Amino acid sequence: MKYFFLSEGWAVARVWASDGLWQVTAWRRQPDIQRMNVCLVEQNELLWLYQVEEAILTVEVKPTIPVTAGTTIGQVVLKRLMSAEQVIERLNTAEAKCQLQNIHLVVQ
C-alpha cells in the first residue's frame, strides 16, 4: 500500500497507474483509494491520510469548492506517494488526532 495526506476540502480527481491514466474499462473497477480515520493538524488545517493500492503511481487532487478568480491553485498532482514507514515518521513529528467511527466493542 501507498499513502498520501490531503487537505480537507480537496478530493481525488484523476489517477495514473504504470500504463497511464486509470481506465475503469481496462481495469474493470475503480482504483482502491480509501480515506483513513487519521488526520494531522497543521496551522489549523486538517490533513487526512489516504491509502491507495500499490498499482497507483500518481494522483491528481482538486479543491471541492469551485476555484474563484482570486484562487491560484486549481489542481495538484501527487507524484511521490508515501510508504507506511514515512507516514509513521510524519505522524511522529506532528500534532495528530484520530477520528474513530463505527467502533464495536467485543466483550469476552
N, C-alpha and C. Protein backbone atom coordinates (compact mmCIF):
# COMPACT_ATOMS: atom_id res chain seq x y z
N MET A 1 0.83 -1.19 0.00
CA MET A 1 0.00 0.00 0.00
C MET A 1 0.87 1.25 0.00
N LYS A 2 0.29 2.32 -0.53
CA LYS A 2 0.93 3.64 -0.53
C LYS A 2 -0.02 4.62 0.13
N TYR A 3 0.51 5.78 0.51
CA TYR A 3 -0.28 6.73 1.28
C TYR A 3 0.02 8.15 0.83
N PHE A 4 -0.92 9.05 1.15
CA PHE A 4 -0.69 10.49 1.00
C PHE A 4 -1.62 11.23 1.94
N PHE A 5 -1.25 12.46 2.27
CA PHE A 5 -2.09 13.33 3.09
C PHE A 5 -2.77 14.32 2.17
N LEU A 6 -4.05 14.60 2.44
CA LEU A 6 -4.81 15.52 1.61
C LEU A 6 -5.60 16.46 2.50
N SER A 7 -5.50 17.73 2.22
CA SER A 7 -6.17 18.76 3.00
C SER A 7 -7.69 18.61 2.88
N GLU A 8 -8.37 18.86 4.01
CA GLU A 8 -9.83 18.85 3.99
C GLU A 8 -10.31 19.89 2.99
N GLY A 9 -11.32 19.54 2.21
CA GLY A 9 -11.80 20.43 1.17
C GLY A 9 -11.21 20.11 -0.20
N TRP A 10 -10.39 19.07 -0.28
CA TRP A 10 -9.81 18.62 -1.55
C TRP A 10 -10.26 17.18 -1.78
N ALA A 11 -10.32 16.78 -3.04
CA ALA A 11 -10.76 15.43 -3.40
C ALA A 11 -9.90 14.88 -4.53
N VAL A 12 -9.87 13.56 -4.63
CA VAL A 12 -9.13 12.89 -5.69
C VAL A 12 -9.85 13.10 -7.02
N ALA A 13 -9.09 13.42 -8.05
CA ALA A 13 -9.66 13.60 -9.40
C ALA A 13 -9.20 12.43 -10.28
N ARG A 14 -8.13 12.63 -11.03
CA ARG A 14 -7.63 11.55 -11.91
C ARG A 14 -6.54 10.75 -11.21
N VAL A 15 -6.36 9.51 -11.69
CA VAL A 15 -5.39 8.59 -11.11
C VAL A 15 -4.61 7.93 -12.25
N TRP A 16 -3.30 7.75 -12.04
CA TRP A 16 -2.46 7.10 -13.03
C TRP A 16 -1.84 5.83 -12.46
N ALA A 17 -1.75 4.80 -13.30
CA ALA A 17 -1.05 3.56 -12.98
C ALA A 17 0.15 3.47 -13.93
N SER A 18 0.86 2.35 -13.93
CA SER A 18 2.08 2.23 -14.74
C SER A 18 1.80 2.33 -16.23
N ASP A 19 0.61 1.97 -16.66
CA ASP A 19 0.29 2.03 -18.10
C ASP A 19 -0.44 3.31 -18.49
N GLY A 20 -0.46 4.30 -17.61
CA GLY A 20 -1.05 5.59 -17.93
C GLY A 20 -2.27 5.90 -17.08
N LEU A 21 -3.10 6.81 -17.59
CA LEU A 21 -4.30 7.23 -16.88
C LEU A 21 -5.19 6.03 -16.57
N TRP A 22 -5.70 5.96 -15.34
CA TRP A 22 -6.53 4.83 -14.90
C TRP A 22 -7.79 4.77 -15.76
N GLN A 23 -8.00 3.64 -16.39
CA GLN A 23 -9.18 3.41 -17.22
C GLN A 23 -10.05 2.34 -16.55
N VAL A 24 -11.22 2.74 -16.11
CA VAL A 24 -12.13 1.81 -15.43
C VAL A 24 -12.49 0.65 -16.34
N THR A 25 -12.63 0.90 -17.64
CA THR A 25 -12.99 -0.18 -18.56
C THR A 25 -11.86 -1.21 -18.69
N ALA A 26 -10.62 -0.75 -18.65
CA ALA A 26 -9.48 -1.68 -18.75
C ALA A 26 -9.28 -2.45 -17.45
N TRP A 27 -9.35 -1.75 -16.31
CA TRP A 27 -9.14 -2.39 -15.01
C TRP A 27 -10.40 -3.11 -14.52
N ARG A 28 -11.54 -2.73 -15.09
CA ARG A 28 -12.86 -3.28 -14.72
C ARG A 28 -13.25 -2.95 -13.28
N ARG A 29 -12.72 -1.84 -12.78
CA ARG A 29 -13.04 -1.38 -11.43
C ARG A 29 -12.45 0.00 -11.21
N GLN A 30 -12.94 0.66 -10.18
CA GLN A 30 -12.38 1.93 -9.75
C GLN A 30 -11.06 1.68 -9.01
N PRO A 31 -10.15 2.65 -8.97
CA PRO A 31 -8.93 2.47 -8.17
C PRO A 31 -9.28 2.39 -6.69
N ASP A 32 -8.51 1.62 -5.94
CA ASP A 32 -8.75 1.46 -4.50
C ASP A 32 -8.07 2.60 -3.75
N ILE A 33 -8.87 3.60 -3.37
CA ILE A 33 -8.39 4.77 -2.63
C ILE A 33 -9.32 4.95 -1.44
N GLN A 34 -8.77 4.91 -0.23
CA GLN A 34 -9.60 5.00 0.97
C GLN A 34 -9.06 6.06 1.92
N ARG A 35 -9.97 6.90 2.41
CA ARG A 35 -9.58 7.86 3.44
C ARG A 35 -9.56 7.14 4.77
N MET A 36 -8.46 7.27 5.49
CA MET A 36 -8.30 6.64 6.79
C MET A 36 -8.94 7.53 7.86
N ASN A 37 -9.04 7.03 9.08
CA ASN A 37 -9.62 7.79 10.18
C ASN A 37 -8.57 8.55 10.98
N VAL A 38 -7.49 8.95 10.31
CA VAL A 38 -6.41 9.68 10.97
C VAL A 38 -6.13 10.95 10.18
N CYS A 39 -5.96 12.05 10.91
CA CYS A 39 -5.60 13.29 10.24
C CYS A 39 -4.56 14.03 11.07
N LEU A 40 -3.79 14.87 10.39
CA LEU A 40 -2.84 15.76 11.02
C LEU A 40 -3.46 17.14 11.10
N VAL A 41 -3.07 17.89 12.10
CA VAL A 41 -3.49 19.28 12.21
C VAL A 41 -2.24 20.14 12.05
N GLU A 42 -2.23 20.95 11.00
CA GLU A 42 -1.11 21.87 10.76
C GLU A 42 -1.67 23.26 10.50
N GLN A 43 -1.31 24.21 11.34
CA GLN A 43 -1.76 25.59 11.20
C GLN A 43 -3.28 25.64 11.03
N ASN A 44 -3.98 24.91 11.90
CA ASN A 44 -5.45 24.83 11.91
C ASN A 44 -6.04 24.23 10.64
N GLU A 45 -5.27 23.48 9.89
CA GLU A 45 -5.74 22.81 8.68
C GLU A 45 -5.69 21.30 8.91
N LEU A 46 -6.77 20.61 8.54
CA LEU A 46 -6.81 19.16 8.68
C LEU A 46 -6.26 18.50 7.43
N LEU A 47 -5.29 17.60 7.61
CA LEU A 47 -4.71 16.84 6.51
C LEU A 47 -5.04 15.37 6.73
N TRP A 48 -5.97 14.83 5.93
CA TRP A 48 -6.42 13.46 6.09
C TRP A 48 -5.47 12.48 5.41
N LEU A 49 -5.27 11.33 6.04
CA LEU A 49 -4.43 10.28 5.49
C LEU A 49 -5.26 9.41 4.56
N TYR A 50 -4.77 9.19 3.35
CA TYR A 50 -5.41 8.32 2.37
C TYR A 50 -4.50 7.14 2.07
N GLN A 51 -5.11 5.99 1.84
CA GLN A 51 -4.41 4.76 1.49
C GLN A 51 -4.80 4.41 0.06
N VAL A 52 -3.80 4.06 -0.77
CA VAL A 52 -4.06 3.68 -2.16
C VAL A 52 -3.37 2.36 -2.45
N GLU A 53 -3.88 1.66 -3.44
CA GLU A 53 -3.29 0.37 -3.81
C GLU A 53 -1.93 0.57 -4.47
N GLU A 54 -1.15 -0.47 -4.47
CA GLU A 54 0.22 -0.42 -4.97
C GLU A 54 0.31 -0.03 -6.44
N ALA A 55 -0.67 -0.39 -7.25
CA ALA A 55 -0.64 -0.11 -8.69
C ALA A 55 -0.70 1.37 -9.02
N ILE A 56 -1.16 2.19 -8.10
CA ILE A 56 -1.30 3.63 -8.34
C ILE A 56 0.05 4.31 -8.22
N LEU A 57 0.39 5.10 -9.24
CA LEU A 57 1.66 5.83 -9.25
C LEU A 57 1.49 7.31 -8.97
N THR A 58 0.42 7.91 -9.49
CA THR A 58 0.22 9.35 -9.40
C THR A 58 -1.26 9.64 -9.16
N VAL A 59 -1.52 10.66 -8.34
CA VAL A 59 -2.89 11.05 -8.02
C VAL A 59 -3.03 12.55 -8.24
N GLU A 60 -4.06 12.95 -8.98
CA GLU A 60 -4.37 14.36 -9.14
C GLU A 60 -5.48 14.70 -8.15
N VAL A 61 -5.33 15.82 -7.44
CA VAL A 61 -6.34 16.26 -6.48
C VAL A 61 -6.78 17.66 -6.84
N LYS A 62 -8.06 17.96 -6.51
CA LYS A 62 -8.64 19.26 -6.81
C LYS A 62 -9.46 19.72 -5.61
N PRO A 63 -9.62 21.03 -5.46
CA PRO A 63 -10.48 21.52 -4.37
C PRO A 63 -11.94 21.16 -4.65
N THR A 64 -12.69 20.86 -3.59
CA THR A 64 -14.10 20.51 -3.76
C THR A 64 -14.96 21.75 -3.99
N ILE A 65 -14.49 22.89 -3.56
CA ILE A 65 -15.19 24.16 -3.79
C ILE A 65 -14.67 24.73 -5.10
N PRO A 66 -15.56 25.19 -5.98
CA PRO A 66 -15.10 25.72 -7.27
C PRO A 66 -14.05 26.81 -7.10
N VAL A 67 -13.08 26.80 -8.00
CA VAL A 67 -11.98 27.77 -7.96
C VAL A 67 -12.50 29.13 -8.40
N THR A 68 -12.17 30.15 -7.60
CA THR A 68 -12.56 31.51 -7.94
C THR A 68 -11.39 32.23 -8.60
N ALA A 69 -11.65 33.42 -9.12
CA ALA A 69 -10.62 34.17 -9.83
C ALA A 69 -9.42 34.48 -8.93
N GLY A 70 -9.65 34.69 -7.62
CA GLY A 70 -8.56 35.03 -6.71
C GLY A 70 -7.74 33.82 -6.25
N THR A 71 -8.23 32.63 -6.49
CA THR A 71 -7.54 31.42 -6.06
C THR A 71 -6.51 31.03 -7.11
N THR A 72 -5.30 30.71 -6.67
CA THR A 72 -4.24 30.40 -7.62
C THR A 72 -4.08 28.90 -7.87
N ILE A 73 -4.53 28.05 -6.95
CA ILE A 73 -4.34 26.61 -7.11
C ILE A 73 -5.64 25.97 -7.56
N GLY A 74 -5.64 25.35 -8.74
CA GLY A 74 -6.82 24.69 -9.25
C GLY A 74 -6.73 23.18 -9.17
N GLN A 75 -5.49 22.66 -9.18
CA GLN A 75 -5.28 21.22 -9.07
C GLN A 75 -3.82 20.98 -8.70
N VAL A 76 -3.58 19.80 -8.12
CA VAL A 76 -2.23 19.41 -7.73
C VAL A 76 -2.05 17.95 -8.13
N VAL A 77 -0.88 17.61 -8.63
CA VAL A 77 -0.58 16.23 -8.98
C VAL A 77 0.45 15.70 -7.98
N LEU A 78 0.08 14.62 -7.28
CA LEU A 78 0.96 13.99 -6.29
C LEU A 78 1.72 12.86 -6.98
N LYS A 79 3.03 13.03 -7.14
CA LYS A 79 3.83 12.04 -7.85
C LYS A 79 4.66 11.17 -6.93
N ARG A 80 4.82 11.58 -5.69
CA ARG A 80 5.63 10.81 -4.74
C ARG A 80 4.75 10.39 -3.58
N LEU A 81 4.15 9.22 -3.69
CA LEU A 81 3.32 8.70 -2.63
C LEU A 81 4.20 8.12 -1.54
N MET A 82 3.68 8.05 -0.32
CA MET A 82 4.47 7.68 0.86
C MET A 82 4.34 6.19 1.18
N SER A 83 5.37 5.66 1.81
CA SER A 83 5.32 4.30 2.36
C SER A 83 4.74 4.37 3.77
N ALA A 84 4.40 3.22 4.33
CA ALA A 84 3.88 3.18 5.70
C ALA A 84 4.91 3.74 6.68
N GLU A 85 6.18 3.45 6.47
CA GLU A 85 7.23 3.94 7.35
C GLU A 85 7.31 5.47 7.32
N GLN A 86 7.16 6.05 6.14
CA GLN A 86 7.19 7.50 6.01
C GLN A 86 6.00 8.14 6.70
N VAL A 87 4.83 7.49 6.64
CA VAL A 87 3.64 8.00 7.31
C VAL A 87 3.86 8.00 8.82
N ILE A 88 4.38 6.90 9.36
CA ILE A 88 4.63 6.82 10.80
C ILE A 88 5.62 7.89 11.23
N GLU A 89 6.66 8.09 10.44
CA GLU A 89 7.64 9.13 10.74
C GLU A 89 6.98 10.51 10.75
N ARG A 90 6.11 10.76 9.79
CA ARG A 90 5.41 12.05 9.71
C ARG A 90 4.46 12.23 10.89
N LEU A 91 3.73 11.19 11.26
CA LEU A 91 2.82 11.27 12.40
C LEU A 91 3.59 11.51 13.70
N ASN A 92 4.78 10.95 13.78
CA ASN A 92 5.61 11.10 14.97
C ASN A 92 6.09 12.53 15.17
N THR A 93 6.18 13.30 14.09
CA THR A 93 6.71 14.66 14.19
C THR A 93 5.62 15.72 14.10
N ALA A 94 4.35 15.32 14.16
CA ALA A 94 3.26 16.28 14.01
C ALA A 94 2.23 16.10 15.11
N GLU A 95 1.39 17.11 15.23
CA GLU A 95 0.25 17.01 16.13
C GLU A 95 -0.80 16.19 15.38
N ALA A 96 -1.09 14.99 15.86
CA ALA A 96 -2.04 14.10 15.18
C ALA A 96 -3.24 13.85 16.05
N LYS A 97 -4.37 13.64 15.40
CA LYS A 97 -5.55 13.22 16.13
C LYS A 97 -6.22 12.12 15.32
N CYS A 98 -6.97 11.31 16.01
CA CYS A 98 -7.59 10.17 15.38
C CYS A 98 -9.10 10.32 15.47
N GLN A 99 -9.77 10.13 14.37
CA GLN A 99 -11.23 10.15 14.36
C GLN A 99 -11.68 8.71 14.23
N LEU A 100 -12.37 8.21 15.25
CA LEU A 100 -12.82 6.84 15.24
C LEU A 100 -14.29 6.79 14.89
N GLN A 101 -14.63 5.91 13.97
CA GLN A 101 -16.01 5.76 13.55
C GLN A 101 -16.36 4.28 13.55
N ASN A 102 -17.61 3.97 13.85
CA ASN A 102 -18.12 2.61 13.79
C ASN A 102 -17.29 1.63 14.62
N ILE A 103 -16.98 2.03 15.82
CA ILE A 103 -16.22 1.17 16.72
C ILE A 103 -17.18 0.23 17.42
N HIS A 104 -16.87 -1.05 17.37
CA HIS A 104 -17.68 -2.07 18.02
C HIS A 104 -16.84 -2.75 19.10
N LEU A 105 -17.32 -2.72 20.31
CA LEU A 105 -16.61 -3.36 21.41
C LEU A 105 -17.02 -4.82 21.50
N VAL A 106 -16.05 -5.67 21.68
CA VAL A 106 -16.31 -7.09 21.85
C VAL A 106 -15.96 -7.45 23.27
N VAL A 107 -16.92 -7.89 24.05
CA VAL A 107 -16.70 -8.28 25.44
C VAL A 107 -16.67 -9.79 25.52
N GLN A 108 -15.61 -10.30 26.14
CA GLN A 108 -15.49 -11.76 26.26
C GLN A 108 -15.63 -12.19 27.69
